[in-house]
Amino acid sequence: MGRRAVLLQADVSEQEAVEAMVTRTVEELGRLDLFVSNAAYSDRELMVDADMEGFKRTIDVSMWGAFYGLRASAQHMVRQGEGGSI
């Protein structure tokens, strides 16, 4: 079909890692047309028993990871001038 993809690994709870992942994608493929944020984390504990470090990790990955990815990918898509899909 003439399509290409790149597989990269990053800790999405780290803003710099996410920005580097998106930048590397653009470097490898020439542009960014699609971004899917599907990373999630949970200790699967009852809230009353939750370890606060585990809860912080849940927020860092599930919320901040999504935000970092959406922001970095949207910035590239805006610069491209043709948009994309998130």
C-alpha atoms as a PDB file:
ATOM      1  CA  MET A   1       0.000   0.000   0.000  1.00  0.00           C
ATOM      2  CA  GLY A   2       3.024   2.289   0.067  1.00  0.00           C
ATOM      3  CA  ARG A   3       2.569   3.202   3.727  1.00  0.00           C
ATOM      4  CA  ARG A   4       5.342   3.521   6.292  1.00  0.00           C
ATOM      5  CA  ALA A   5       5.334   3.556  10.069  1.00  0.00           C
ATOM      6  CA  VAL A   6       7.962   3.915  12.760  1.00  0.00           C
ATOM      7  CA  LEU A   7       7.959   2.122  16.115  1.00  0.00           C
ATOM      8  CA  LEU A   8       9.488   4.026  19.026  1.00  0.00           C
ATOM      9  CA  GLN A   9       9.540   3.468  22.761  1.00  0.00           C
ATOM     10  CA  ALA A  10       9.252   6.195  25.396  1.00  0.00           C
ATOM     11  CA  ASP A  11       8.114   6.699  28.967  1.00  0.00           C
ATOM     12  CA  VAL A  12       5.105   8.903  28.268  1.00  0.00           C
ATOM     13  CA  SER A  13       5.186  10.281  31.801  1.00  0.00           C
ATOM     14  CA  GLU A  14       8.359  12.172  30.809  1.00  0.00           C
ATOM     15  CA  GLN A  15       7.638  15.243  28.691  1.00  0.00           C
ATOM     16  CA  GLU A  16      11.083  15.324  27.071  1.00  0.00           C
ATOM     17  CA  ALA A  17      10.824  11.660  26.085  1.00  0.00           C
ATOM     18  CA  VAL A  18       7.462  12.227  24.414  1.00  0.00           C
ATOM     19  CA  GLU A  19       8.674  15.316  22.571  1.00  0.00           C
ATOM     20  CA  ALA A  20      11.738  13.390  21.367  1.00  0.00           C
ATOM     21  CA  MET A  21       9.528  10.494  20.220  1.00  0.00           C
ATOM     22  CA  VAL A  22       7.299  12.805  18.166  1.00  0.00           C
ATOM     23  CA  THR A  23      10.296  14.672  16.722  1.00  0.00           C
ATOM     24  CA  ARG A  24      11.985  11.403  15.772  1.00  0.00           C
ATOM     25  CA  THR A  25       8.808  10.258  14.033  1.00  0.00           C
ATOM     26  CA  VAL A  26       8.787  13.434  11.943  1.00  0.00           C
ATOM     27  CA  GLU A  27      12.490  12.993  11.163  1.00  0.00           C
ATOM     28  CA  GLU A  28      11.959   9.376  10.052  1.00  0.00           C
ATOM     29  CA  LEU A  29       8.734   9.874   8.086  1.00  0.00           C
ATOM     30  CA  GLY A  30       8.972  13.501   7.022  1.00  0.00           C
ATOM     31  CA  ARG A  31       5.683  14.525   8.631  1.00  0.00           C
ATOM     32  CA  LEU A  32       3.103  13.532  11.220  1.00  0.00           C
ATOM     33  CA  ASP A  33      -0.472  12.859  10.136  1.00  0.00           C
ATOM     34  CA  LEU A  34      -1.855  10.716  12.954  1.00  0.00           C
ATOM     35  CA  PHE A  35      -1.315  10.469  16.704  1.00  0.00           C
ATOM     36  CA  VAL A  36      -3.007   7.931  18.979  1.00  0.00           C
ATOM     37  CA  SER A  37      -2.655   8.330  22.723  1.00  0.00           C
ATOM     38  CA  ASN A  38      -3.305   4.901  24.200  1.00  0.00           C
ATOM     39  CA  ALA A  39      -0.894   4.561  27.125  1.00  0.00           C
ATOM     40  CA  ALA A  40      -2.481   3.933  30.496  1.00  0.00           C
ATOM     41  CA  TYR A  41      -1.377   2.702  33.909  1.00  0.00           C
ATOM     42  CA  SER A  42      -3.162   1.593  37.055  1.00  0.00           C
ATOM     43  CA  ASP A  43      -2.168  -0.321  40.168  1.00  0.00           C
ATOM     44  CA  ARG A  44      -5.758  -1.617  40.329  1.00  0.00           C
ATOM     45  CA  GLU A  45      -6.126  -0.976  44.030  1.00  0.00           C
ATOM     46  CA  LEU A  46      -9.073   0.325  45.967  1.00  0.00           C
ATOM     47  CA  MET A  47      -8.756   4.068  46.454  1.00  0.00           C
ATOM     48  CA  VAL A  48      -8.795   3.671  50.245  1.00  0.00           C
ATOM     49  CA  ASP A  49      -5.816   1.277  50.036  1.00  0.00           C
ATOM     50  CA  ALA A  50      -3.941   2.995  47.226  1.00  0.00           C
ATOM     51  CA  ASP A  51      -0.248   3.634  47.509  1.00  0.00           C
ATOM     52  CA  MET A  52       0.250   7.318  46.687  1.00  0.00           C
ATOM     53  CA  GLU A  53       3.314   6.624  44.503  1.00  0.00           C
ATOM     54  CA  GLY A  54       1.251   4.204  42.436  1.00  0.00           C
ATOM     55  CA  PHE A  55      -1.538   6.751  42.166  1.00  0.00           C
ATOM     56  CA  LYS A  56       0.955   9.425  41.086  1.00  0.00           C
ATOM     57  CA  ARG A  57       2.251   7.037  38.404  1.00  0.00           C
ATOM     58  CA  THR A  58      -1.323   6.490  37.198  1.00  0.00           C
ATOM     59  CA  ILE A  59      -1.827  10.261  36.798  1.00  0.00           C
ATOM     60  CA  ASP A  60       1.629  10.797  35.260  1.00  0.00           C
ATOM     61  CA  VAL A  61       1.106   8.140  32.581  1.00  0.00           C
ATOM     62  CA  SER A  62      -2.631   8.313  31.939  1.00  0.00           C
ATOM     63  CA  MET A  63      -3.195  12.074  32.154  1.00  0.00           C
ATOM     64  CA  TRP A  64       0.141  13.832  31.661  1.00  0.00           C
ATOM     65  CA  GLY A  65       1.332  11.278  29.119  1.00  0.00           C
ATOM     66  CA  ALA A  66      -1.745  11.938  26.998  1.00  0.00           C
ATOM     67  CA  PHE A  67      -1.300  15.708  27.324  1.00  0.00           C
ATOM     68  CA  TYR A  68       2.404  15.615  26.399  1.00  0.00           C
ATOM     69  CA  GLY A  69       1.705  13.490  23.329  1.00  0.00           C
ATOM     70  CA  LEU A  70      -1.270  15.519  22.175  1.00  0.00           C
ATOM     71  CA  ARG A  71       0.597  18.792  22.622  1.00  0.00           C
ATOM     72  CA  ALA A  72       3.795  17.674  20.882  1.00  0.00           C
ATOM     73  CA  SER A  73       1.959  16.091  17.964  1.00  0.00           C
ATOM     74  CA  ALA A  74      -0.405  19.059  17.539  1.00  0.00           C
ATOM     75  CA  GLN A  75       2.563  21.440  17.441  1.00  0.00           C
ATOM     76  CA  HIS A  76       4.101  19.461  14.559  1.00  0.00           C
ATOM     77  CA  MET A  77       0.780  19.228  12.731  1.00  0.00           C
ATOM     78  CA  VAL A  78       0.215  22.987  12.990  1.00  0.00           C
ATOM     79  CA  ARG A  79       3.729  23.663  11.658  1.00  0.00           C
ATOM     80  CA  GLN A  80       3.012  21.351   8.718  1.00  0.00           C
ATOM     81  CA  GLY A  81       0.119  23.606   7.791  1.00  0.00           C
ATOM     82  CA  GLU A  82      -2.126  20.721   6.742  1.00  0.00           C
ATOM     83  CA  GLY A  83      -3.368  19.484  10.104  1.00  0.00           C
ATOM     84  CA  GLY A  84      -3.708  15.873  11.050  1.00  0.00           C
ATOM     85  CA  SER A  85      -5.754  13.551  13.266  1.00  0.00           C
ATOM     86  CA  ILE A  86      -5.336  13.056  16.985  1.00  0.00           C
END
